[in-house]
Amino acid sequence: MYAALLDLLRHIAVLDEEEEALIKTSFKPRTLAKGDFFLKTGEISQQIGFIQSGLVRYFVYKNEEESTFIFTKENEFIADYQSFNQNTPTIQNIQAIEDCELLVIEHSDVQHIFNNTKNGNLLGRIIIEHRFEVMVNQLLSIYLQNQEERYKHFVVTYAELTQRIPQYLIASYVGVKPESLSRIRKRLVKNIS
């Protein structure tokens, strides 16, 4: 059950037996059915999740419409880290777009690992740095790319997920209506031919 999580963490640091045992007892299994929320606007992020199987999306409400800004898949962590660290309500939503099997850790257990293991702070820092890089890249693509470029960015960034993500969510990510996404895709195919 913990193999993928421990493999990922072992790529960051050499873990001793005590650290591995603490990680195993700190992360608990949780399932999300397709459509369920890991986190909703207004809640305080109290957990970090590690996706063992499944796919989630992060979205916010913009002009009363859902605006998807990131997708997260197997072997990646999910949380609103700002809400988690500052104990403040989130404006983000994290929703399963497939049935998901997660391992989750509570805020207090994260702090315990940070304070009681030699590699805890390193693990936390590397994971946060990775998530920060992902979020910055997404933010830059929103502000610097037009809709066609954003779709190309989606295809490159999420190449292995294009068949798993419904078209209306891809449209939400690109920032267009589904019918506009169809036109963008047709133009790109035409330009390739």
Foldseek 3Di string as FASTA:
>chain_A
DCVLVVVVLVVQDPDDPVLVVLVVVQWDKDKAAAFGWPAAFFAQWFKKKAWQAFKKWKWAQDPNDTATQDMDGHRAIDTPVVSNVVVGGDRMIIGTNHITMIIMGGSVSLVCSVVPGPCSVSSVVVNVVVVVVVNVVSVCCVVPPALLVQLVVCCVVVVVCPVVDDQQNSCSNSVHGSVVVVVSVVVVVVVVD
